Amino acid sequence: MILKSKYVFESKTTKMYRHLQGMLILFVSIFLMYSFVCSILLLDARNETKNAKTSFVQTPPDLIVVFTGGPGRIEYAIKKAQEFKQPNVFITGVHEKNSVKNLVSTIPPEEKDHIELDYTARNTVENVVNTLKYLRNNRGLNKILIISSDYHIMRIKQIINTLIKEDDKFTFYFSAVTSNYLSFRNIKILYIETFKLVRTKVFLMFWDQKSSIDVS
């Protein structure tokens, strides 16, 4: 957007200033719109967490699934497992940087026998694909609680809604690990995640589910 000149004759300096002012207004507008979308991610995660808490007052979930990648997710999942008296936990996304040793070190010994690890998922799409495979291979798991960071929940939902089949009878609930947005690092992660949300949406529109996956 370029501001309209107020003068019939305009110096180069005035014209350049007007153009810079227009670019600044455009940049600020885009930034504010982008920030608004980021806030929607967090609001959605908060609502999903409240819904999960309400849904599991009387009965626990059949399985707790953890998508690795952010701090505090494993500890939060174990806490929820104890709270719901549901020891069965499926952790997807175990790899070199997120090793079994590091993951298991945070888990109480009495909980380890009820925890299964997925080593093959390298990104969020593969987290969802492997979770769905696990559920389809284990009958009786219908109410599923998925745990991840607050900025991550909406993208997980987007992928699940795209990849789930009509004959799947699973109901998914989500509980978010709250991030500290007084930290610049977490703000940066949130803004990057919003971009990934859009990128994943485009990817899923064209992805053949039989092909290999390459989305982080």
N, C-alpha and C. Protein backbone atom coordinates (compact mmCIF):
# COMPACT_ATOMS: atom_id res chain seq x y z
N MET A 1 0.84 -1.19 0.00
CA MET A 1 0.00 0.00 0.00
C MET A 1 0.88 1.24 0.00
N ILE A 2 0.66 2.15 -0.94
CA ILE A 2 1.41 3.39 -1.00
C ILE A 2 0.46 4.54 -0.73
N LEU A 3 0.82 5.41 0.19
CA LEU A 3 -0.02 6.54 0.53
C LEU A 3 -0.08 7.52 -0.63
N LYS A 4 -1.24 8.06 -0.86
CA LYS A 4 -1.43 9.01 -1.95
C LYS A 4 -0.75 10.33 -1.65
N SER A 5 -0.13 10.89 -2.65
CA SER A 5 0.57 12.15 -2.47
C SER A 5 -0.41 13.28 -2.22
N LYS A 6 -0.04 14.18 -1.32
CA LYS A 6 -0.87 15.35 -1.00
C LYS A 6 -0.55 16.53 -1.90
N TYR A 7 0.52 16.37 -2.67
CA TYR A 7 1.01 17.49 -3.46
C TYR A 7 1.02 17.15 -4.94
N VAL A 8 0.81 18.21 -5.77
CA VAL A 8 0.90 18.03 -7.22
C VAL A 8 2.34 17.77 -7.61
N PHE A 9 3.23 18.55 -7.02
CA PHE A 9 4.66 18.36 -7.24
C PHE A 9 5.28 17.84 -5.96
N GLU A 10 6.09 16.82 -6.08
CA GLU A 10 6.63 16.14 -4.89
C GLU A 10 8.11 15.88 -5.09
N SER A 11 8.88 16.19 -4.07
CA SER A 11 10.33 15.96 -4.14
C SER A 11 10.62 14.48 -3.98
N LYS A 12 11.81 14.06 -4.39
CA LYS A 12 12.21 12.65 -4.26
C LYS A 12 12.23 12.22 -2.80
N THR A 13 12.67 13.14 -1.93
CA THR A 13 12.74 12.82 -0.50
C THR A 13 11.35 12.57 0.08
N THR A 14 10.41 13.45 -0.29
CA THR A 14 9.03 13.31 0.20
C THR A 14 8.39 12.03 -0.33
N LYS A 15 8.65 11.72 -1.61
CA LYS A 15 8.09 10.52 -2.21
C LYS A 15 8.63 9.26 -1.54
N MET A 16 9.96 9.27 -1.30
CA MET A 16 10.57 8.11 -0.63
C MET A 16 10.01 7.94 0.77
N TYR A 17 9.85 9.05 1.49
CA TYR A 17 9.28 8.99 2.84
C TYR A 17 7.86 8.43 2.81
N ARG A 18 7.07 8.87 1.80
CA ARG A 18 5.69 8.39 1.68
C ARG A 18 5.66 6.89 1.40
N HIS A 19 6.57 6.43 0.54
CA HIS A 19 6.62 5.00 0.23
C HIS A 19 7.03 4.17 1.44
N LEU A 20 8.01 4.66 2.18
CA LEU A 20 8.45 3.96 3.38
C LEU A 20 7.33 3.90 4.42
N GLN A 21 6.59 5.00 4.53
CA GLN A 21 5.48 5.03 5.48
C GLN A 21 4.41 4.02 5.08
N GLY A 22 4.13 3.92 3.79
CA GLY A 22 3.15 2.95 3.31
C GLY A 22 3.60 1.52 3.57
N MET A 23 4.89 1.25 3.32
CA MET A 23 5.43 -0.09 3.57
C MET A 23 5.37 -0.44 5.05
N LEU A 24 5.64 0.55 5.90
CA LEU A 24 5.59 0.32 7.35
C LEU A 24 4.18 -0.02 7.80
N ILE A 25 3.20 0.72 7.28
CA ILE A 25 1.80 0.46 7.63
C ILE A 25 1.40 -0.94 7.18
N LEU A 26 1.84 -1.32 5.96
CA LEU A 26 1.53 -2.65 5.44
C LEU A 26 2.17 -3.73 6.31
N PHE A 27 3.43 -3.53 6.68
CA PHE A 27 4.14 -4.51 7.51
C PHE A 27 3.47 -4.67 8.87
N VAL A 28 3.11 -3.56 9.50
CA VAL A 28 2.46 -3.61 10.81
C VAL A 28 1.11 -4.31 10.71
N SER A 29 0.37 -4.04 9.63
CA SER A 29 -0.94 -4.67 9.44
C SER A 29 -0.81 -6.18 9.31
N ILE A 30 0.17 -6.62 8.49
CA ILE A 30 0.39 -8.06 8.30
C ILE A 30 0.83 -8.70 9.61
N PHE A 31 1.71 -8.01 10.34
CA PHE A 31 2.19 -8.54 11.62
C PHE A 31 1.04 -8.71 12.62
N LEU A 32 0.15 -7.72 12.67
CA LEU A 32 -0.97 -7.79 13.61
C LEU A 32 -1.93 -8.92 13.22
N MET A 33 -2.17 -9.09 11.93
CA MET A 33 -3.04 -10.17 11.48
C MET A 33 -2.41 -11.53 11.79
N TYR A 34 -1.12 -11.64 11.56
CA TYR A 34 -0.41 -12.89 11.84
C TYR A 34 -0.43 -13.20 13.33
N SER A 35 -0.25 -12.17 14.15
CA SER A 35 -0.28 -12.34 15.60
C SER A 35 -1.66 -12.77 16.07
N PHE A 36 -2.69 -12.28 15.40
CA PHE A 36 -4.05 -12.68 15.74
C PHE A 36 -4.27 -14.16 15.47
N VAL A 37 -3.75 -14.63 14.34
CA VAL A 37 -3.84 -16.06 14.02
C VAL A 37 -3.10 -16.88 15.07
N CYS A 38 -1.93 -16.40 15.49
CA CYS A 38 -1.16 -17.09 16.54
C CYS A 38 -1.97 -17.21 17.83
N SER A 39 -2.67 -16.15 18.17
CA SER A 39 -3.47 -16.17 19.40
C SER A 39 -4.62 -17.18 19.29
N ILE A 40 -5.13 -17.39 18.08
CA ILE A 40 -6.19 -18.37 17.87
C ILE A 40 -5.68 -19.77 18.18
N LEU A 41 -4.42 -20.06 17.80
CA LEU A 41 -3.82 -21.37 18.11
C LEU A 41 -3.85 -21.62 19.61
N LEU A 42 -3.47 -20.62 20.38
CA LEU A 42 -3.40 -20.79 21.83
C LEU A 42 -4.79 -20.88 22.46
N LEU A 43 -5.72 -20.10 21.94
CA LEU A 43 -7.09 -20.15 22.46
C LEU A 43 -7.72 -21.51 22.17
N ASP A 44 -7.47 -22.03 20.98
CA ASP A 44 -8.00 -23.35 20.62
C ASP A 44 -7.43 -24.43 21.53
N ALA A 45 -6.12 -24.36 21.82
CA ALA A 45 -5.49 -25.35 22.71
C ALA A 45 -6.08 -25.27 24.11
N ARG A 46 -6.33 -24.06 24.58
CA ARG A 46 -6.92 -23.89 25.91
C ARG A 46 -8.32 -24.50 25.97
N ASN A 47 -9.11 -24.26 24.93
CA ASN A 47 -10.48 -24.81 24.89
C ASN A 47 -10.46 -26.33 24.82
N GLU A 48 -9.54 -26.88 24.03
CA GLU A 48 -9.44 -28.33 23.91
C GLU A 48 -9.05 -28.97 25.25
N THR A 49 -8.16 -28.31 25.97
CA THR A 49 -7.73 -28.81 27.28
C THR A 49 -8.88 -28.82 28.26
N LYS A 50 -9.68 -27.76 28.25
CA LYS A 50 -10.85 -27.69 29.13
C LYS A 50 -11.86 -28.77 28.77
N ASN A 51 -12.06 -28.99 27.47
CA ASN A 51 -13.00 -30.01 27.01
C ASN A 51 -12.55 -31.40 27.45
N ALA A 52 -11.25 -31.68 27.33
CA ALA A 52 -10.72 -32.98 27.74
C ALA A 52 -10.90 -33.19 29.24
N LYS A 53 -10.64 -32.16 30.00
CA LYS A 53 -10.76 -32.26 31.46
C LYS A 53 -12.21 -32.58 31.85
N THR A 54 -13.15 -31.93 31.18
CA THR A 54 -14.57 -32.17 31.45
C THR A 54 -15.00 -33.57 31.02
N SER A 55 -14.49 -34.01 29.88
CA SER A 55 -14.90 -35.29 29.31
C SER A 55 -14.44 -36.49 30.13
N PHE A 56 -13.34 -36.32 30.86
CA PHE A 56 -12.77 -37.45 31.60
C PHE A 56 -12.95 -37.34 33.11
N VAL A 57 -14.02 -36.68 33.50
CA VAL A 57 -14.32 -36.58 34.93
C VAL A 57 -14.77 -37.94 35.48
N GLN A 58 -15.61 -38.64 34.73
CA GLN A 58 -16.17 -39.90 35.19
C GLN A 58 -15.34 -41.11 34.74
N THR A 59 -14.92 -41.10 33.50
CA THR A 59 -14.17 -42.23 32.95
C THR A 59 -12.86 -41.74 32.34
N PRO A 60 -11.80 -42.54 32.41
CA PRO A 60 -10.51 -42.14 31.85
C PRO A 60 -10.45 -42.39 30.35
N PRO A 61 -9.48 -41.81 29.66
CA PRO A 61 -9.29 -42.16 28.25
C PRO A 61 -8.81 -43.60 28.12
N ASP A 62 -9.01 -44.19 26.95
CA ASP A 62 -8.53 -45.56 26.72
C ASP A 62 -7.02 -45.58 26.50
N LEU A 63 -6.48 -44.47 26.05
CA LEU A 63 -5.05 -44.39 25.79
C LEU A 63 -4.61 -42.93 25.81
N ILE A 64 -3.43 -42.71 26.35
CA ILE A 64 -2.81 -41.37 26.30
C ILE A 64 -1.67 -41.43 25.30
N VAL A 65 -1.69 -40.51 24.34
CA VAL A 65 -0.66 -40.45 23.30
C VAL A 65 0.14 -39.16 23.48
N VAL A 66 1.45 -39.28 23.42
CA VAL A 66 2.32 -38.11 23.55
C VAL A 66 3.10 -37.91 22.26
N PHE A 67 3.01 -36.71 21.69
CA PHE A 67 3.85 -36.35 20.55
C PHE A 67 5.09 -35.66 21.10
N THR A 68 6.26 -36.28 20.93
CA THR A 68 7.47 -35.71 21.49
C THR A 68 7.92 -34.50 20.66
N GLY A 69 8.87 -33.75 21.23
CA GLY A 69 9.42 -32.61 20.49
C GLY A 69 9.52 -31.34 21.31
N GLY A 70 8.76 -31.22 22.38
CA GLY A 70 8.79 -30.03 23.20
C GLY A 70 9.02 -30.39 24.66
N PRO A 71 9.57 -29.47 25.45
CA PRO A 71 9.85 -29.76 26.86
C PRO A 71 8.58 -29.94 27.68
N GLY A 72 8.66 -30.85 28.64
CA GLY A 72 7.57 -31.03 29.59
C GLY A 72 6.45 -31.94 29.14
N ARG A 73 6.48 -32.41 27.89
CA ARG A 73 5.35 -33.21 27.40
C ARG A 73 5.29 -34.58 28.07
N ILE A 74 6.42 -35.24 28.23
CA ILE A 74 6.44 -36.57 28.84
C ILE A 74 5.99 -36.49 30.29
N GLU A 75 6.56 -35.54 31.03
CA GLU A 75 6.20 -35.38 32.44
C GLU A 75 4.72 -35.07 32.60
N TYR A 76 4.20 -34.23 31.71
CA TYR A 76 2.78 -33.87 31.74
C TYR A 76 1.91 -35.10 31.47
N ALA A 77 2.34 -35.93 30.53
CA ALA A 77 1.59 -37.14 30.19
C ALA A 77 1.54 -38.12 31.35
N ILE A 78 2.68 -38.30 32.02
CA ILE A 78 2.72 -39.21 33.17
C ILE A 78 1.82 -38.69 34.29
N LYS A 79 1.83 -37.39 34.48
CA LYS A 79 0.96 -36.78 35.48
C LYS A 79 -0.51 -37.04 35.16
N LYS A 80 -0.87 -36.89 33.87
CA LYS A 80 -2.25 -37.14 33.45
C LYS A 80 -2.61 -38.62 33.59
N ALA A 81 -1.66 -39.49 33.29
CA ALA A 81 -1.89 -40.94 33.42
C ALA A 81 -2.20 -41.28 34.87
N GLN A 82 -1.49 -40.68 35.79
CA GLN A 82 -1.72 -40.92 37.21
C GLN A 82 -3.05 -40.30 37.65
N GLU A 83 -3.34 -39.13 37.12
CA GLU A 83 -4.58 -38.44 37.48
C GLU A 83 -5.81 -39.23 37.02
N PHE A 84 -5.76 -39.77 35.78
CA PHE A 84 -6.88 -40.51 35.22
C PHE A 84 -6.84 -42.00 35.58
N LYS A 85 -5.78 -42.40 36.31
CA LYS A 85 -5.57 -43.82 36.63
C LYS A 85 -5.57 -44.66 35.35
N GLN A 86 -4.90 -44.12 34.34
CA GLN A 86 -4.77 -44.79 33.04
C GLN A 86 -3.28 -44.92 32.73
N PRO A 87 -2.71 -46.11 32.98
CA PRO A 87 -1.26 -46.27 32.84
C PRO A 87 -0.79 -46.42 31.40
N ASN A 88 -1.71 -46.70 30.46
CA ASN A 88 -1.30 -46.98 29.09
C ASN A 88 -0.97 -45.69 28.34
N VAL A 89 0.30 -45.59 27.95
CA VAL A 89 0.79 -44.39 27.27
C VAL A 89 1.56 -44.81 26.02
N PHE A 90 1.28 -44.11 24.92
CA PHE A 90 1.97 -44.35 23.66
C PHE A 90 2.77 -43.09 23.31
N ILE A 91 4.09 -43.22 23.24
CA ILE A 91 4.96 -42.08 22.95
C ILE A 91 5.47 -42.21 21.52
N THR A 92 5.14 -41.24 20.68
CA THR A 92 5.54 -41.29 19.29
C THR A 92 6.53 -40.17 18.97
N GLY A 93 7.59 -40.56 18.25
CA GLY A 93 8.61 -39.58 17.88
C GLY A 93 9.91 -39.77 18.61
N VAL A 94 10.27 -41.00 18.94
CA VAL A 94 11.52 -41.30 19.63
C VAL A 94 12.62 -41.41 18.58
N HIS A 95 13.66 -40.60 18.69
CA HIS A 95 14.75 -40.62 17.72
C HIS A 95 16.05 -40.24 18.41
N GLU A 96 17.10 -40.02 17.64
CA GLU A 96 18.43 -39.79 18.20
C GLU A 96 18.47 -38.60 19.16
N LYS A 97 17.83 -37.49 18.77
CA LYS A 97 17.86 -36.29 19.60
C LYS A 97 16.88 -36.39 20.76
N ASN A 98 16.02 -37.36 20.70
CA ASN A 98 15.01 -37.54 21.75
C ASN A 98 15.06 -39.00 22.16
N SER A 99 16.19 -39.42 22.67
CA SER A 99 16.50 -40.83 22.84
C SER A 99 15.65 -41.50 23.91
N VAL A 100 15.61 -42.84 23.81
CA VAL A 100 14.87 -43.63 24.79
C VAL A 100 15.40 -43.37 26.19
N LYS A 101 16.71 -43.27 26.32
CA LYS A 101 17.32 -43.06 27.63
C LYS A 101 16.83 -41.76 28.25
N ASN A 102 16.79 -40.70 27.46
CA ASN A 102 16.31 -39.41 27.97
C ASN A 102 14.84 -39.46 28.33
N LEU A 103 14.05 -40.14 27.50
CA LEU A 103 12.61 -40.21 27.77
C LEU A 103 12.30 -41.04 29.01
N VAL A 104 12.88 -42.21 29.06
CA VAL A 104 12.57 -43.15 30.14
C VAL A 104 13.10 -42.65 31.49
N SER A 105 14.13 -41.84 31.47
CA SER A 105 14.70 -41.34 32.73
C SER A 105 13.71 -40.48 33.50
N THR A 106 12.71 -39.93 32.80
CA THR A 106 11.72 -39.09 33.46
C THR A 106 10.51 -39.87 33.95
N ILE A 107 10.46 -41.16 33.65
CA ILE A 107 9.28 -41.97 33.95
C ILE A 107 9.52 -42.83 35.19
N PRO A 108 8.61 -42.82 36.15
CA PRO A 108 8.74 -43.66 37.33
C PRO A 108 8.82 -45.13 36.94
N PRO A 109 9.63 -45.94 37.64
CA PRO A 109 9.82 -47.37 37.29
C PRO A 109 8.52 -48.14 37.18
N GLU A 110 7.55 -47.86 38.06
CA GLU A 110 6.30 -48.63 38.05
C GLU A 110 5.43 -48.31 36.84
N GLU A 111 5.75 -47.21 36.12
CA GLU A 111 4.95 -46.82 34.96
C GLU A 111 5.51 -47.39 33.65
N LYS A 112 6.76 -47.82 33.65
CA LYS A 112 7.45 -48.14 32.40
C LYS A 112 6.85 -49.33 31.66
N ASP A 113 6.29 -50.29 32.38
CA ASP A 113 5.74 -51.49 31.74
C ASP A 113 4.50 -51.19 30.90
N HIS A 114 3.88 -50.03 31.15
CA HIS A 114 2.64 -49.69 30.45
C HIS A 114 2.89 -48.66 29.34
N ILE A 115 4.12 -48.40 29.03
CA ILE A 115 4.46 -47.38 28.03
C ILE A 115 5.05 -48.03 26.79
N GLU A 116 4.51 -47.66 25.63
CA GLU A 116 5.03 -48.15 24.35
C GLU A 116 5.62 -46.98 23.57
N LEU A 117 6.73 -47.26 22.88
CA LEU A 117 7.47 -46.22 22.17
C LEU A 117 7.43 -46.46 20.66
N ASP A 118 7.23 -45.38 19.92
CA ASP A 118 7.29 -45.43 18.46
C ASP A 118 8.58 -44.75 18.02
N TYR A 119 9.42 -45.50 17.31
CA TYR A 119 10.74 -45.00 16.93
C TYR A 119 10.79 -44.42 15.52
N THR A 120 9.75 -44.58 14.73
CA THR A 120 9.85 -44.26 13.31
C THR A 120 9.37 -42.87 12.92
N ALA A 121 8.51 -42.26 13.72
CA ALA A 121 7.96 -40.95 13.36
C ALA A 121 9.04 -39.87 13.43
N ARG A 122 9.16 -39.10 12.36
CA ARG A 122 10.16 -38.03 12.29
C ARG A 122 9.53 -36.65 12.31
N ASN A 123 8.22 -36.57 12.20
CA ASN A 123 7.55 -35.28 12.16
C ASN A 123 6.09 -35.46 12.57
N THR A 124 5.34 -34.38 12.57
CA THR A 124 3.97 -34.43 13.10
C THR A 124 3.05 -35.30 12.26
N VAL A 125 3.19 -35.23 10.93
CA VAL A 125 2.36 -36.08 10.08
C VAL A 125 2.61 -37.54 10.39
N GLU A 126 3.87 -37.91 10.53
CA GLU A 126 4.20 -39.30 10.84
C GLU A 126 3.76 -39.68 12.25
N ASN A 127 3.78 -38.72 13.18
CA ASN A 127 3.22 -38.96 14.51
C ASN A 127 1.77 -39.41 14.41
N VAL A 128 1.01 -38.68 13.60
CA VAL A 128 -0.41 -38.99 13.43
C VAL A 128 -0.59 -40.32 12.70
N VAL A 129 0.16 -40.53 11.62
CA VAL A 129 0.05 -41.78 10.86
C VAL A 129 0.33 -42.98 11.75
N ASN A 130 1.40 -42.92 12.54
CA ASN A 130 1.76 -44.05 13.39
C ASN A 130 0.80 -44.23 14.55
N THR A 131 0.23 -43.15 15.03
CA THR A 131 -0.79 -43.25 16.08
C THR A 131 -2.03 -43.95 15.55
N LEU A 132 -2.47 -43.57 14.36
CA LEU A 132 -3.64 -44.21 13.76
C LEU A 132 -3.38 -45.70 13.49
N LYS A 133 -2.18 -46.03 13.03
CA LYS A 133 -1.83 -47.44 12.81
C LYS A 133 -1.90 -48.22 14.12
N TYR A 134 -1.37 -47.61 15.17
CA TYR A 134 -1.36 -48.26 16.49
C TYR A 134 -2.79 -48.50 16.97
N LEU A 135 -3.65 -47.52 16.80
CA LEU A 135 -5.04 -47.64 17.25
C LEU A 135 -5.79 -48.70 16.45
N ARG A 136 -5.53 -48.76 15.16
CA ARG A 136 -6.21 -49.74 14.31
C ARG A 136 -5.75 -51.17 14.60
N ASN A 137 -4.54 -51.30 15.12
CA ASN A 137 -4.00 -52.63 15.44
C ASN A 137 -4.31 -53.07 16.87
N ASN A 138 -4.91 -52.18 17.64
CA ASN A 138 -5.23 -52.49 19.04
C ASN A 138 -6.70 -52.16 19.30
N ARG A 139 -7.52 -53.17 19.23
CA ARG A 139 -8.97 -52.98 19.38
C ARG A 139 -9.32 -52.49 20.78
N GLY A 140 -10.41 -51.74 20.85
CA GLY A 140 -10.92 -51.29 22.13
C GLY A 140 -10.41 -49.93 22.56
N LEU A 141 -9.53 -49.33 21.75
CA LEU A 141 -9.02 -48.00 22.07
C LEU A 141 -9.83 -46.98 21.27
N ASN A 142 -10.80 -46.38 21.93
CA ASN A 142 -11.73 -45.49 21.22
C ASN A 142 -11.60 -44.03 21.65
N LYS A 143 -11.44 -43.81 22.95
CA LYS A 143 -11.32 -42.44 23.46
C LYS A 143 -9.84 -42.16 23.71
N ILE A 144 -9.27 -41.29 22.90
CA ILE A 144 -7.82 -41.07 22.91
C ILE A 144 -7.52 -39.65 23.36
N LEU A 145 -6.62 -39.53 24.33
CA LEU A 145 -6.14 -38.22 24.77
C LEU A 145 -4.76 -37.98 24.20
N ILE A 146 -4.63 -36.95 23.38
CA ILE A 146 -3.34 -36.59 22.78
C ILE A 146 -2.75 -35.40 23.51
N ILE A 147 -1.48 -35.53 23.86
CA ILE A 147 -0.78 -34.49 24.60
C ILE A 147 0.35 -33.92 23.77
N SER A 148 0.40 -32.60 23.71
CA SER A 148 1.51 -31.91 23.05
C SER A 148 1.56 -30.49 23.59
N SER A 149 2.43 -29.68 23.04
CA SER A 149 2.53 -28.28 23.46
C SER A 149 1.33 -27.49 22.93
N ASP A 150 0.99 -26.39 23.58
CA ASP A 150 -0.21 -25.63 23.22
C ASP A 150 -0.17 -25.12 21.78
N TYR A 151 1.00 -24.69 21.31
CA TYR A 151 1.10 -24.18 19.95
C TYR A 151 0.96 -25.27 18.89
N HIS A 152 1.02 -26.53 19.29
CA HIS A 152 1.08 -27.66 18.38
C HIS A 152 -0.28 -28.32 18.16
N ILE A 153 -1.23 -28.06 19.06
CA ILE A 153 -2.49 -28.80 19.08
C ILE A 153 -3.29 -28.62 17.80
N MET A 154 -3.43 -27.41 17.32
CA MET A 154 -4.27 -27.17 16.14
C MET A 154 -3.74 -27.89 14.91
N ARG A 155 -2.44 -27.95 14.74
CA ARG A 155 -1.87 -28.64 13.57
C ARG A 155 -2.11 -30.15 13.68
N ILE A 156 -2.00 -30.69 14.89
CA ILE A 156 -2.29 -32.12 15.08
C ILE A 156 -3.74 -32.41 14.70
N LYS A 157 -4.65 -31.57 15.15
CA LYS A 157 -6.07 -31.76 14.83
C LYS A 157 -6.29 -31.70 13.32
N GLN A 158 -5.64 -30.76 12.68
CA GLN A 158 -5.77 -30.60 11.24
C GLN A 158 -5.35 -31.87 10.50
N ILE A 159 -4.23 -32.45 10.92
CA ILE A 159 -3.72 -33.65 10.27
C ILE A 159 -4.62 -34.85 10.54
N ILE A 160 -5.06 -35.00 11.79
CA ILE A 160 -5.96 -36.11 12.13
C ILE A 160 -7.24 -36.04 11.32
N ASN A 161 -7.83 -34.87 11.23
CA ASN A 161 -9.09 -34.71 10.50
C ASN A 161 -8.93 -35.04 9.02
N THR A 162 -7.71 -34.87 8.50
CA THR A 162 -7.45 -35.18 7.09
C THR A 162 -7.21 -36.67 6.87
N LEU A 163 -6.51 -37.31 7.79
CA LEU A 163 -6.06 -38.69 7.58
C LEU A 163 -6.98 -39.76 8.15
N ILE A 164 -7.89 -39.38 9.03
CA ILE A 164 -8.75 -40.39 9.63
C ILE A 164 -9.73 -40.94 8.60
N LYS A 165 -10.04 -42.22 8.70
CA LYS A 165 -10.93 -42.88 7.76
C LYS A 165 -12.36 -42.87 8.27
N GLU A 166 -13.29 -43.06 7.36
CA GLU A 166 -14.71 -43.03 7.74
C GLU A 166 -15.07 -44.13 8.71
N ASP A 167 -14.41 -45.30 8.59
CA ASP A 167 -14.76 -46.43 9.46
C ASP A 167 -13.99 -46.41 10.78
N ASP A 168 -13.12 -45.42 10.98
CA ASP A 168 -12.45 -45.27 12.27
C ASP A 168 -13.46 -44.74 13.29
N LYS A 169 -13.48 -45.37 14.46
CA LYS A 169 -14.45 -44.99 15.49
C LYS A 169 -13.80 -44.25 16.65
N PHE A 170 -12.64 -43.69 16.39
CA PHE A 170 -11.90 -43.04 17.47
C PHE A 170 -12.44 -41.63 17.74
N THR A 171 -12.43 -41.27 19.01
CA THR A 171 -12.73 -39.90 19.41
C THR A 171 -11.48 -39.32 20.06
N PHE A 172 -11.01 -38.21 19.53
CA PHE A 172 -9.76 -37.64 20.02
C PHE A 172 -10.02 -36.42 20.91
N TYR A 173 -9.28 -36.39 21.99
CA TYR A 173 -9.28 -35.25 22.90
C TYR A 173 -7.84 -34.75 23.01
N PHE A 174 -7.70 -33.51 23.40
CA PHE A 174 -6.36 -32.91 23.41
C PHE A 174 -6.12 -32.15 24.71
N SER A 175 -4.92 -32.33 25.23
CA SER A 175 -4.54 -31.61 26.45
C SER A 175 -3.17 -30.98 26.19
N ALA A 176 -3.06 -29.70 26.44
CA ALA A 176 -1.88 -28.94 26.03
C ALA A 176 -0.95 -28.62 27.19
N VAL A 177 0.34 -28.77 26.92
CA VAL A 177 1.37 -28.28 27.83
C VAL A 177 1.53 -26.79 27.56
N THR A 178 1.29 -25.97 28.56
CA THR A 178 1.34 -24.52 28.38
C THR A 178 2.77 -24.02 28.29
N SER A 179 3.04 -23.20 27.29
CA SER A 179 4.37 -22.62 27.11
C SER A 179 4.43 -21.24 27.74
N ASN A 180 5.63 -20.83 28.12
CA ASN A 180 5.84 -19.52 28.72
C ASN A 180 6.16 -18.50 27.63
N TYR A 181 5.21 -17.62 27.34
CA TYR A 181 5.40 -16.68 26.24
C TYR A 181 6.02 -15.36 26.70
N LEU A 182 6.58 -15.36 27.88
CA LEU A 182 7.48 -14.28 28.27
C LEU A 182 8.88 -14.55 27.72
N SER A 183 9.06 -15.76 27.22
CA SER A 183 10.31 -16.17 26.60
C SER A 183 10.27 -15.89 25.10
N PHE A 184 11.29 -15.19 24.59
CA PHE A 184 11.35 -14.88 23.16
C PHE A 184 11.41 -16.17 22.34
N ARG A 185 12.10 -17.17 22.86
CA ARG A 185 12.23 -18.45 22.14
C ARG A 185 10.86 -19.07 21.88
N ASN A 186 9.99 -19.04 22.89
CA ASN A 186 8.66 -19.63 22.73
C ASN A 186 7.78 -18.81 21.80
N ILE A 187 7.95 -17.49 21.82
CA ILE A 187 7.22 -16.64 20.88
C ILE A 187 7.63 -16.97 19.46
N LYS A 188 8.93 -17.16 19.26
CA LYS A 188 9.45 -17.52 17.94
C LYS A 188 8.88 -18.86 17.48
N ILE A 189 8.84 -19.83 18.40
CA ILE A 189 8.29 -21.14 18.07
C ILE A 189 6.82 -21.02 17.66
N LEU A 190 6.06 -20.20 18.38
CA LEU A 190 4.64 -20.00 18.08
C LEU A 190 4.45 -19.42 16.68
N TYR A 191 5.26 -18.43 16.33
CA TYR A 191 5.13 -17.81 15.01
C TYR A 191 5.53 -18.77 13.90
N ILE A 192 6.56 -19.58 14.15
CA ILE A 192 6.97 -20.58 13.17
C ILE A 192 5.88 -21.65 13.02
N GLU A 193 5.27 -22.03 14.14
CA GLU A 193 4.22 -23.06 14.12
C GLU A 193 3.02 -22.59 13.29
N THR A 194 2.71 -21.31 13.35
CA THR A 194 1.60 -20.79 12.55
C THR A 194 1.89 -20.93 11.06
N PHE A 195 3.14 -20.68 10.68
CA PHE A 195 3.54 -20.89 9.29
C PHE A 195 3.44 -22.37 8.92
N LYS A 196 3.87 -23.25 9.82
CA LYS A 196 3.80 -24.69 9.57
C LYS A 196 2.36 -25.16 9.41
N LEU A 197 1.46 -24.53 10.15
CA LEU A 197 0.05 -24.89 10.06
C LEU A 197 -0.47 -24.67 8.64
N VAL A 198 -0.13 -23.52 8.07
CA VAL A 198 -0.54 -23.20 6.70
C VAL A 198 0.15 -24.13 5.71
N ARG A 199 1.45 -24.35 5.91
CA ARG A 199 2.21 -25.21 5.00
C ARG A 199 1.68 -26.64 5.01
N THR A 200 1.35 -27.15 6.20
CA THR A 200 0.82 -28.51 6.32
C THR A 200 -0.54 -28.63 5.64
N LYS A 201 -1.35 -27.58 5.76
CA LYS A 201 -2.66 -27.59 5.11
C LYS A 201 -2.50 -27.75 3.61
N VAL A 202 -1.57 -27.01 3.02
CA VAL A 202 -1.32 -27.10 1.59
C VAL A 202 -0.77 -28.48 1.24
N PHE A 203 0.16 -28.98 2.06
CA PHE A 203 0.75 -30.29 1.83
C PHE A 203 -0.30 -31.39 1.81
N LEU A 204 -1.22 -31.36 2.77
CA LEU A 204 -2.23 -32.40 2.88
C LEU A 204 -3.25 -32.35 1.75
N MET A 205 -3.41 -31.19 1.13
CA MET A 205 -4.33 -31.07 0.01
C MET A 205 -3.85 -31.88 -1.20
N PHE A 206 -2.54 -32.05 -1.29
CA PHE A 206 -1.96 -32.71 -2.47
C PHE A 206 -1.28 -34.03 -2.16
N TRP A 207 -1.22 -34.40 -0.87
CA TRP A 207 -0.46 -35.58 -0.49
C TRP A 207 -1.21 -36.87 -0.80
N ASP A 208 -0.56 -37.76 -1.49
CA ASP A 208 -1.06 -39.12 -1.70
C ASP A 208 -0.67 -39.94 -0.48
N GLN A 209 -1.63 -40.48 0.27
CA GLN A 209 -1.35 -41.17 1.52
C GLN A 209 -0.48 -42.41 1.33
N LYS A 210 -0.32 -42.88 0.09
CA LYS A 210 0.53 -44.03 -0.17
C LYS A 210 1.98 -43.63 -0.39
N SER A 211 2.22 -42.32 -0.54
CA SER A 211 3.58 -41.86 -0.82
C SER A 211 4.33 -41.61 0.46
N SER A 212 5.65 -41.35 0.34
CA SER A 212 6.48 -41.04 1.51
C SER A 212 6.11 -39.66 2.04
N ILE A 213 6.47 -39.41 3.30
CA ILE A 213 6.11 -38.17 3.97
C ILE A 213 7.35 -37.36 4.25
N ASP A 214 7.29 -36.07 4.02
CA ASP A 214 8.43 -35.22 4.30
C ASP A 214 7.98 -33.85 4.77
N VAL A 215 7.30 -33.82 5.91
CA VAL A 215 6.86 -32.57 6.50
C VAL A 215 7.27 -32.56 7.95
N SER A 216 7.95 -31.53 8.41
CA SER A 216 8.40 -31.46 9.81
C SER A 216 7.39 -30.72 10.66
